[in-house]
Amino acid sequence: MAIKLHNKQKIEPNMSSMSDLVFLLLIFFVITSTLVSPNVISLELPSSEAGQQNPPKNMVLYVDSLHRYYVNPEDGNTPGTTNLDTVRLLLGQAALLDSSEQKVVILRADKDVPVQDLVNLMGAVSDLNSELKGQNKNPYKMALATVNPN
């Protein structure tokens, strides 16, 4: 028959001294790693000029109540013309000079302008777009600008 011992002692190692030792080692490695300067190669990266592109300039076509067309009237150097062919010519020249992906024509009109004048202007831009597509150039996108009545 086996004799059973009732007074068994549980052996548990004291972990407080072990945690102190691990903490001290951690502090030691953190301090020594900050003091060591690694051998690194200094690189001179090239600067990118792609991020410095100028935003495309929008073309503004304005029609006044006397049926005169103005191209970029904010510039102040464009006289008004009543001929749509002149407007087409100016837009075509600007399209050849502008190589940006997105070209925008903003159509503005006086409040007394008949709708037919705007339709004629839109037709001129549309005709120019079909010519530009034939030459593999980016066409204009049209935007009709309105004024807030307030």
N, C-alpha and C. Protein backbone atom coordinates (compact mmCIF):
# COMPACT_ATOMS: atom_id res chain seq x y z
N MET A 1 0.79 -1.15 0.00
CA MET A 1 0.00 0.00 0.00
C MET A 1 0.86 1.24 0.00
N ALA A 2 0.39 2.22 -0.74
CA ALA A 2 1.18 3.44 -0.87
C ALA A 2 0.84 4.40 0.25
N ILE A 3 1.85 5.04 0.70
CA ILE A 3 1.65 6.00 1.78
C ILE A 3 1.46 7.38 1.13
N LYS A 4 0.39 8.04 1.53
CA LYS A 4 0.08 9.36 0.99
C LYS A 4 0.59 10.42 1.94
N LEU A 5 1.23 11.37 1.35
CA LEU A 5 1.73 12.49 2.15
C LEU A 5 0.72 13.62 2.07
N HIS A 6 0.26 14.03 3.21
CA HIS A 6 -0.74 15.10 3.24
C HIS A 6 -0.11 16.48 3.33
N ASN A 7 1.10 16.57 3.62
CA ASN A 7 1.75 17.86 3.80
C ASN A 7 2.65 18.18 2.60
N LYS A 8 2.06 18.26 1.42
CA LYS A 8 2.84 18.63 0.23
C LYS A 8 2.98 20.14 0.18
N GLN A 9 4.15 20.56 -0.11
CA GLN A 9 4.38 21.99 -0.25
C GLN A 9 4.40 22.34 -1.73
N LYS A 10 3.68 23.37 -2.09
CA LYS A 10 3.67 23.84 -3.48
C LYS A 10 4.88 24.73 -3.68
N ILE A 11 5.61 24.42 -4.72
CA ILE A 11 6.81 25.20 -5.00
C ILE A 11 6.46 26.24 -6.06
N GLU A 12 6.51 27.51 -5.71
CA GLU A 12 6.25 28.61 -6.64
C GLU A 12 7.47 29.52 -6.62
N PRO A 13 8.04 29.76 -7.82
CA PRO A 13 9.20 30.66 -7.83
C PRO A 13 8.75 32.09 -7.57
N ASN A 14 9.57 32.85 -6.95
CA ASN A 14 9.27 34.24 -6.65
C ASN A 14 9.45 35.06 -7.93
N MET A 15 8.36 35.60 -8.48
CA MET A 15 8.39 36.30 -9.77
C MET A 15 8.74 37.78 -9.63
N SER A 16 8.72 38.32 -8.47
CA SER A 16 9.01 39.75 -8.34
C SER A 16 10.46 40.05 -8.69
N SER A 17 11.36 39.21 -8.31
CA SER A 17 12.75 39.46 -8.67
C SER A 17 12.97 39.23 -10.17
N MET A 18 12.23 38.28 -10.76
CA MET A 18 12.34 38.03 -12.20
C MET A 18 11.81 39.23 -13.00
N SER A 19 10.71 39.82 -12.58
CA SER A 19 10.17 40.98 -13.29
C SER A 19 11.10 42.19 -13.14
N ASP A 20 11.75 42.33 -11.99
CA ASP A 20 12.73 43.41 -11.82
C ASP A 20 13.89 43.25 -12.79
N LEU A 21 14.33 42.00 -12.94
CA LEU A 21 15.44 41.73 -13.85
C LEU A 21 15.06 42.04 -15.31
N VAL A 22 13.87 41.65 -15.72
CA VAL A 22 13.40 41.91 -17.09
C VAL A 22 13.25 43.42 -17.32
N PHE A 23 12.73 44.13 -16.35
CA PHE A 23 12.58 45.57 -16.46
C PHE A 23 13.94 46.26 -16.60
N LEU A 24 14.92 45.84 -15.81
CA LEU A 24 16.26 46.42 -15.91
C LEU A 24 16.91 46.13 -17.26
N LEU A 25 16.72 44.92 -17.78
CA LEU A 25 17.25 44.60 -19.11
C LEU A 25 16.58 45.44 -20.20
N LEU A 26 15.28 45.65 -20.07
CA LEU A 26 14.56 46.48 -21.04
C LEU A 26 15.09 47.91 -21.03
N ILE A 27 15.28 48.47 -19.87
CA ILE A 27 15.82 49.83 -19.78
C ILE A 27 17.23 49.89 -20.36
N PHE A 28 18.03 48.89 -20.08
CA PHE A 28 19.40 48.85 -20.60
C PHE A 28 19.41 48.86 -22.13
N PHE A 29 18.57 48.02 -22.76
CA PHE A 29 18.56 47.94 -24.22
C PHE A 29 17.96 49.19 -24.86
N VAL A 30 17.00 49.80 -24.22
CA VAL A 30 16.43 51.04 -24.76
C VAL A 30 17.48 52.15 -24.74
N ILE A 31 18.20 52.26 -23.66
CA ILE A 31 19.21 53.32 -23.55
C ILE A 31 20.37 53.07 -24.51
N THR A 32 20.84 51.84 -24.60
CA THR A 32 21.97 51.56 -25.50
C THR A 32 21.57 51.67 -26.96
N SER A 33 20.32 51.37 -27.30
CA SER A 33 19.92 51.48 -28.71
C SER A 33 19.81 52.94 -29.15
N THR A 34 19.50 53.84 -28.24
CA THR A 34 19.44 55.25 -28.63
C THR A 34 20.83 55.86 -28.74
N LEU A 35 21.80 55.30 -28.04
CA LEU A 35 23.15 55.84 -28.12
C LEU A 35 23.90 55.37 -29.35
N VAL A 36 23.50 54.27 -29.90
CA VAL A 36 24.19 53.72 -31.07
C VAL A 36 23.69 54.45 -32.30
N SER A 37 24.59 55.00 -33.07
CA SER A 37 24.19 55.64 -34.33
C SER A 37 24.44 54.66 -35.46
N PRO A 38 23.42 54.27 -36.16
CA PRO A 38 23.61 53.30 -37.23
C PRO A 38 24.32 53.93 -38.42
N ASN A 39 25.02 53.11 -39.16
CA ASN A 39 25.68 53.58 -40.37
C ASN A 39 24.64 53.68 -41.47
N VAL A 40 24.31 54.89 -41.81
CA VAL A 40 23.28 55.10 -42.83
C VAL A 40 23.88 55.87 -43.99
N ILE A 41 23.24 55.71 -45.12
CA ILE A 41 23.65 56.43 -46.32
C ILE A 41 22.70 57.60 -46.49
N SER A 42 23.25 58.78 -46.61
CA SER A 42 22.38 59.94 -46.84
C SER A 42 22.04 60.00 -48.33
N LEU A 43 20.75 60.01 -48.60
CA LEU A 43 20.27 60.04 -49.98
C LEU A 43 19.77 61.43 -50.32
N GLU A 44 20.11 61.87 -51.49
CA GLU A 44 19.55 63.11 -52.00
C GLU A 44 18.53 62.73 -53.06
N LEU A 45 17.28 62.88 -52.72
CA LEU A 45 16.21 62.50 -53.63
C LEU A 45 15.97 63.63 -54.63
N PRO A 46 15.68 63.28 -55.87
CA PRO A 46 15.42 64.33 -56.87
C PRO A 46 14.08 64.99 -56.59
N SER A 47 14.01 66.25 -56.92
CA SER A 47 12.76 66.97 -56.75
C SER A 47 11.86 66.71 -57.95
N SER A 48 10.58 66.65 -57.68
CA SER A 48 9.62 66.36 -58.72
C SER A 48 9.06 67.65 -59.28
N GLU A 49 9.10 67.79 -60.58
CA GLU A 49 8.51 68.97 -61.21
C GLU A 49 7.09 68.69 -61.67
N ALA A 50 6.66 67.43 -61.55
CA ALA A 50 5.30 67.09 -61.99
C ALA A 50 4.26 67.73 -61.09
N GLY A 51 4.57 67.94 -59.84
CA GLY A 51 3.62 68.54 -58.92
C GLY A 51 3.51 70.04 -59.06
N GLN A 52 4.32 70.65 -59.90
CA GLN A 52 4.34 72.09 -60.04
C GLN A 52 3.65 72.56 -61.33
N GLN A 53 2.74 71.76 -61.83
CA GLN A 53 2.06 72.14 -63.05
C GLN A 53 1.09 73.28 -62.76
N ASN A 54 0.97 74.16 -63.72
CA ASN A 54 0.03 75.26 -63.59
C ASN A 54 -1.37 74.74 -63.86
N PRO A 55 -2.34 75.19 -63.09
CA PRO A 55 -3.70 74.75 -63.37
C PRO A 55 -4.17 75.32 -64.71
N PRO A 56 -5.04 74.60 -65.41
CA PRO A 56 -5.49 75.11 -66.70
C PRO A 56 -6.31 76.39 -66.52
N LYS A 57 -6.12 77.31 -67.44
CA LYS A 57 -6.85 78.57 -67.37
C LYS A 57 -8.17 78.39 -68.13
N ASN A 58 -9.24 78.73 -67.48
CA ASN A 58 -10.55 78.61 -68.11
C ASN A 58 -10.76 79.76 -69.09
N MET A 59 -11.40 79.44 -70.20
CA MET A 59 -11.79 80.46 -71.17
C MET A 59 -13.18 80.97 -70.78
N VAL A 60 -13.34 82.26 -70.78
CA VAL A 60 -14.64 82.86 -70.45
C VAL A 60 -15.16 83.53 -71.71
N LEU A 61 -16.38 83.15 -72.11
CA LEU A 61 -17.06 83.80 -73.23
C LEU A 61 -18.24 84.56 -72.67
N TYR A 62 -18.30 85.83 -72.98
CA TYR A 62 -19.34 86.70 -72.44
C TYR A 62 -20.13 87.30 -73.59
N VAL A 63 -21.45 87.35 -73.42
CA VAL A 63 -22.34 87.97 -74.41
C VAL A 63 -23.07 89.10 -73.71
N ASP A 64 -23.00 90.31 -74.29
CA ASP A 64 -23.71 91.42 -73.68
C ASP A 64 -25.05 91.64 -74.39
N SER A 65 -25.79 92.62 -73.92
CA SER A 65 -27.14 92.86 -74.45
C SER A 65 -27.13 93.42 -75.87
N LEU A 66 -25.98 93.89 -76.36
CA LEU A 66 -25.87 94.40 -77.73
C LEU A 66 -25.38 93.32 -78.69
N HIS A 67 -25.45 92.05 -78.27
CA HIS A 67 -25.06 90.89 -79.09
C HIS A 67 -23.58 90.90 -79.45
N ARG A 68 -22.76 91.44 -78.56
CA ARG A 68 -21.31 91.40 -78.77
C ARG A 68 -20.73 90.27 -77.92
N TYR A 69 -19.77 89.57 -78.50
CA TYR A 69 -19.11 88.45 -77.82
C TYR A 69 -17.73 88.91 -77.34
N TYR A 70 -17.38 88.53 -76.14
CA TYR A 70 -16.08 88.84 -75.56
C TYR A 70 -15.40 87.54 -75.14
N VAL A 71 -14.13 87.41 -75.46
CA VAL A 71 -13.35 86.26 -75.01
C VAL A 71 -12.44 86.74 -73.89
N ASN A 72 -12.57 86.12 -72.73
CA ASN A 72 -11.82 86.51 -71.53
C ASN A 72 -11.93 88.01 -71.26
N PRO A 73 -13.12 88.51 -70.93
CA PRO A 73 -13.27 89.95 -70.72
C PRO A 73 -12.53 90.46 -69.49
N GLU A 74 -12.13 89.55 -68.56
CA GLU A 74 -11.40 89.99 -67.37
C GLU A 74 -10.02 90.52 -67.72
N ASP A 75 -9.47 90.04 -68.85
CA ASP A 75 -8.15 90.51 -69.27
C ASP A 75 -8.19 91.97 -69.69
N GLY A 76 -9.31 92.42 -70.20
CA GLY A 76 -9.46 93.82 -70.59
C GLY A 76 -8.88 94.17 -71.95
N ASN A 77 -8.21 93.23 -72.60
CA ASN A 77 -7.59 93.56 -73.88
C ASN A 77 -8.33 92.94 -75.06
N THR A 78 -9.51 92.38 -74.83
CA THR A 78 -10.25 91.76 -75.91
C THR A 78 -11.42 92.65 -76.30
N PRO A 79 -11.42 93.18 -77.51
CA PRO A 79 -12.58 93.98 -77.92
C PRO A 79 -13.77 93.08 -78.22
N GLY A 80 -14.95 93.63 -78.08
CA GLY A 80 -16.15 92.86 -78.38
C GLY A 80 -16.33 92.69 -79.87
N THR A 81 -16.84 91.53 -80.28
CA THR A 81 -17.08 91.26 -81.69
C THR A 81 -18.48 90.71 -81.86
N THR A 82 -19.08 90.98 -83.00
CA THR A 82 -20.40 90.43 -83.28
C THR A 82 -20.31 89.22 -84.19
N ASN A 83 -19.11 88.83 -84.55
CA ASN A 83 -18.89 87.74 -85.49
C ASN A 83 -18.50 86.47 -84.71
N LEU A 84 -19.28 85.41 -84.90
CA LEU A 84 -18.98 84.14 -84.23
C LEU A 84 -17.73 83.48 -84.79
N ASP A 85 -17.41 83.76 -86.05
CA ASP A 85 -16.20 83.16 -86.63
C ASP A 85 -14.95 83.67 -85.92
N THR A 86 -14.97 84.93 -85.50
CA THR A 86 -13.83 85.47 -84.75
C THR A 86 -13.70 84.76 -83.40
N VAL A 87 -14.83 84.48 -82.77
CA VAL A 87 -14.81 83.76 -81.49
C VAL A 87 -14.26 82.36 -81.70
N ARG A 88 -14.70 81.68 -82.78
CA ARG A 88 -14.18 80.34 -83.09
C ARG A 88 -12.67 80.38 -83.32
N LEU A 89 -12.22 81.40 -84.03
CA LEU A 89 -10.79 81.53 -84.31
C LEU A 89 -9.98 81.73 -83.02
N LEU A 90 -10.47 82.60 -82.13
CA LEU A 90 -9.77 82.84 -80.87
C LEU A 90 -9.75 81.58 -80.00
N LEU A 91 -10.87 80.86 -79.96
CA LEU A 91 -10.92 79.62 -79.19
C LEU A 91 -10.01 78.56 -79.78
N GLY A 92 -9.96 78.48 -81.10
CA GLY A 92 -9.09 77.51 -81.76
C GLY A 92 -7.62 77.79 -81.48
N GLN A 93 -7.24 79.06 -81.51
CA GLN A 93 -5.85 79.42 -81.20
C GLN A 93 -5.52 79.08 -79.76
N ALA A 94 -6.45 79.35 -78.87
CA ALA A 94 -6.21 79.04 -77.45
C ALA A 94 -6.13 77.54 -77.22
N ALA A 95 -6.91 76.77 -77.98
CA ALA A 95 -6.87 75.31 -77.83
C ALA A 95 -5.55 74.73 -78.30
N LEU A 96 -4.98 75.32 -79.35
CA LEU A 96 -3.69 74.83 -79.83
C LEU A 96 -2.56 75.17 -78.86
N LEU A 97 -2.68 76.30 -78.18
CA LEU A 97 -1.64 76.69 -77.23
C LEU A 97 -1.76 75.96 -75.89
N ASP A 98 -2.97 75.57 -75.54
CA ASP A 98 -3.21 74.93 -74.24
C ASP A 98 -3.17 73.41 -74.41
N SER A 99 -2.21 72.76 -73.76
CA SER A 99 -2.08 71.31 -73.90
C SER A 99 -2.60 70.57 -72.67
N SER A 100 -3.39 71.23 -71.85
CA SER A 100 -3.87 70.58 -70.63
C SER A 100 -4.95 69.56 -70.96
N GLU A 101 -5.16 68.66 -70.02
CA GLU A 101 -6.13 67.59 -70.20
C GLU A 101 -7.56 68.13 -70.22
N GLN A 102 -7.83 69.05 -69.33
CA GLN A 102 -9.20 69.52 -69.18
C GLN A 102 -9.27 71.01 -69.51
N LYS A 103 -10.01 71.30 -70.55
CA LYS A 103 -10.22 72.69 -70.96
C LYS A 103 -11.68 73.03 -70.71
N VAL A 104 -11.91 74.16 -70.11
CA VAL A 104 -13.28 74.54 -69.76
C VAL A 104 -13.58 75.90 -70.37
N VAL A 105 -14.75 75.99 -71.00
CA VAL A 105 -15.26 77.27 -71.51
C VAL A 105 -16.44 77.64 -70.62
N ILE A 106 -16.34 78.79 -70.00
CA ILE A 106 -17.43 79.28 -69.15
C ILE A 106 -18.22 80.29 -69.96
N LEU A 107 -19.50 80.02 -70.15
CA LEU A 107 -20.37 80.90 -70.92
C LEU A 107 -21.12 81.81 -69.95
N ARG A 108 -20.99 83.11 -70.16
CA ARG A 108 -21.70 84.09 -69.34
C ARG A 108 -22.49 84.99 -70.26
N ALA A 109 -23.64 85.41 -69.78
CA ALA A 109 -24.49 86.26 -70.61
C ALA A 109 -25.15 87.32 -69.74
N ASP A 110 -25.42 88.44 -70.38
CA ASP A 110 -26.17 89.50 -69.74
C ASP A 110 -27.61 89.02 -69.56
N LYS A 111 -28.34 89.60 -68.63
CA LYS A 111 -29.70 89.11 -68.38
C LYS A 111 -30.66 89.43 -69.52
N ASP A 112 -30.32 90.40 -70.37
CA ASP A 112 -31.20 90.78 -71.48
C ASP A 112 -30.85 90.08 -72.78
N VAL A 113 -29.91 89.16 -72.76
CA VAL A 113 -29.47 88.49 -73.98
C VAL A 113 -30.49 87.42 -74.36
N PRO A 114 -30.89 87.38 -75.64
CA PRO A 114 -31.79 86.31 -76.07
C PRO A 114 -31.09 84.95 -75.97
N VAL A 115 -31.90 83.93 -75.77
CA VAL A 115 -31.36 82.58 -75.63
C VAL A 115 -30.67 82.14 -76.91
N GLN A 116 -31.11 82.65 -78.05
CA GLN A 116 -30.52 82.24 -79.33
C GLN A 116 -29.03 82.61 -79.40
N ASP A 117 -28.65 83.72 -78.79
CA ASP A 117 -27.23 84.08 -78.78
C ASP A 117 -26.40 83.05 -78.01
N LEU A 118 -26.94 82.58 -76.89
CA LEU A 118 -26.24 81.53 -76.15
C LEU A 118 -26.19 80.22 -76.93
N VAL A 119 -27.28 79.91 -77.62
CA VAL A 119 -27.30 78.69 -78.43
C VAL A 119 -26.27 78.79 -79.55
N ASN A 120 -26.17 79.96 -80.17
CA ASN A 120 -25.16 80.15 -81.23
C ASN A 120 -23.75 79.99 -80.67
N LEU A 121 -23.52 80.52 -79.48
CA LEU A 121 -22.21 80.40 -78.85
C LEU A 121 -21.89 78.95 -78.49
N MET A 122 -22.88 78.24 -77.97
CA MET A 122 -22.69 76.81 -77.67
C MET A 122 -22.43 76.02 -78.94
N GLY A 123 -23.10 76.39 -80.02
CA GLY A 123 -22.86 75.71 -81.29
C GLY A 123 -21.46 75.95 -81.81
N ALA A 124 -20.95 77.17 -81.62
CA ALA A 124 -19.58 77.47 -82.05
C ALA A 124 -18.57 76.64 -81.26
N VAL A 125 -18.78 76.51 -79.97
CA VAL A 125 -17.88 75.70 -79.15
C VAL A 125 -18.00 74.22 -79.52
N SER A 126 -19.22 73.78 -79.80
CA SER A 126 -19.42 72.38 -80.20
C SER A 126 -18.75 72.08 -81.54
N ASP A 127 -18.85 73.01 -82.49
CA ASP A 127 -18.16 72.83 -83.78
C ASP A 127 -16.65 72.76 -83.59
N LEU A 128 -16.14 73.62 -82.73
CA LEU A 128 -14.70 73.60 -82.45
C LEU A 128 -14.29 72.29 -81.79
N ASN A 129 -15.14 71.75 -80.91
CA ASN A 129 -14.83 70.48 -80.26
C ASN A 129 -14.74 69.34 -81.27
N SER A 130 -15.63 69.34 -82.26
CA SER A 130 -15.56 68.27 -83.26
C SER A 130 -14.28 68.40 -84.10
N GLU A 131 -13.84 69.63 -84.36
CA GLU A 131 -12.57 69.82 -85.07
C GLU A 131 -11.39 69.36 -84.22
N LEU A 132 -11.44 69.67 -82.92
CA LEU A 132 -10.35 69.28 -82.03
C LEU A 132 -10.26 67.76 -81.88
N LYS A 133 -11.40 67.09 -81.84
CA LYS A 133 -11.38 65.63 -81.75
C LYS A 133 -10.78 65.02 -83.00
N GLY A 134 -11.01 65.65 -84.15
CA GLY A 134 -10.43 65.17 -85.39
C GLY A 134 -8.92 65.34 -85.42
N GLN A 135 -8.40 66.31 -84.68
CA GLN A 135 -6.95 66.55 -84.61
C GLN A 135 -6.32 65.88 -83.39
N ASN A 136 -7.07 65.01 -82.71
CA ASN A 136 -6.62 64.32 -81.50
C ASN A 136 -6.21 65.29 -80.39
N LYS A 137 -6.95 66.36 -80.28
CA LYS A 137 -6.74 67.34 -79.20
C LYS A 137 -7.87 67.18 -78.19
N ASN A 138 -7.62 67.62 -76.97
CA ASN A 138 -8.65 67.54 -75.94
C ASN A 138 -9.71 68.61 -76.19
N PRO A 139 -10.99 68.22 -76.21
CA PRO A 139 -12.04 69.20 -76.46
C PRO A 139 -12.35 70.03 -75.21
N TYR A 140 -13.09 71.10 -75.45
CA TYR A 140 -13.53 71.97 -74.36
C TYR A 140 -14.75 71.36 -73.68
N LYS A 141 -14.87 71.62 -72.39
CA LYS A 141 -16.10 71.33 -71.66
C LYS A 141 -16.78 72.66 -71.42
N MET A 142 -18.10 72.69 -71.59
CA MET A 142 -18.83 73.94 -71.44
C MET A 142 -19.49 74.02 -70.07
N ALA A 143 -19.49 75.22 -69.51
CA ALA A 143 -20.17 75.48 -68.25
C ALA A 143 -20.91 76.80 -68.40
N LEU A 144 -22.17 76.79 -68.05
CA LEU A 144 -22.98 78.00 -68.14
C LEU A 144 -22.99 78.66 -66.77
N ALA A 145 -22.46 79.86 -66.68
CA ALA A 145 -22.36 80.57 -65.40
C ALA A 145 -23.58 81.46 -65.23
N THR A 146 -24.16 81.37 -64.07
CA THR A 146 -25.32 82.21 -63.76
C THR A 146 -24.98 83.07 -62.54
N VAL A 147 -25.79 84.08 -62.33
CA VAL A 147 -25.58 85.00 -61.22
C VAL A 147 -26.68 84.77 -60.20
N ASN A 148 -26.31 84.75 -58.95
CA ASN A 148 -27.28 84.60 -57.87
C ASN A 148 -28.16 85.86 -57.82
N PRO A 149 -29.49 85.73 -57.81
CA PRO A 149 -30.35 86.92 -57.84
C PRO A 149 -30.29 87.74 -56.56
N ASN A 150 -29.77 87.20 -55.49
CA ASN A 150 -29.72 87.96 -54.22
C ASN A 150 -28.59 88.91 -54.21
